[in-house]
């Protein structure tokens, strides 16, 4: 029984810190990349960030979000997956999600970066792909992944179904 409770808690934490994709509920949010308003009903992606001591969501237009992503090889053992809280070991493939403007991304400025084990956020990948048509192979650094890895990212099973309410 305790292991079932722990698994539910772990799934809840994973969803809480994973990126989320949804239609904008109002027209008040601003895209962190472009500075433009995100219209009500427009598809947006949110990343959890900390601001003034509390967790908030940094919204980006879904059409621009893939430009803020990069697959890379972990250079050391110091990073953790934001969603699963598991250690990402040296040499392991990780996804770097960056929050910043287009100019900051182009200049490769030090940005607010989050690291994810791509497999820990498979439900998000599947939902993002279905909503936007963006395939992991179009993300910067995708040459690090083989075709089986690409397929596995998009094959979230029923236990891993993405639901906005769970984020």
Foldseek 3Di string as FASTA:
>chain_A
DVVVVVVVVLQLQLLVQAKDKDFACAQPAAAQAARHTRHGRFIWIWGWDDDPHDTDTHIHRLVCQLLQKAKDFACAQPAAARRRRHTRHGRAIKMKGFGHYPVCSVVVPDTPIGIHRLLSLLQRQQVSCVVPVDFCCVHHHNVVDDPVVSVSSNDDDPVNHDDNVSD
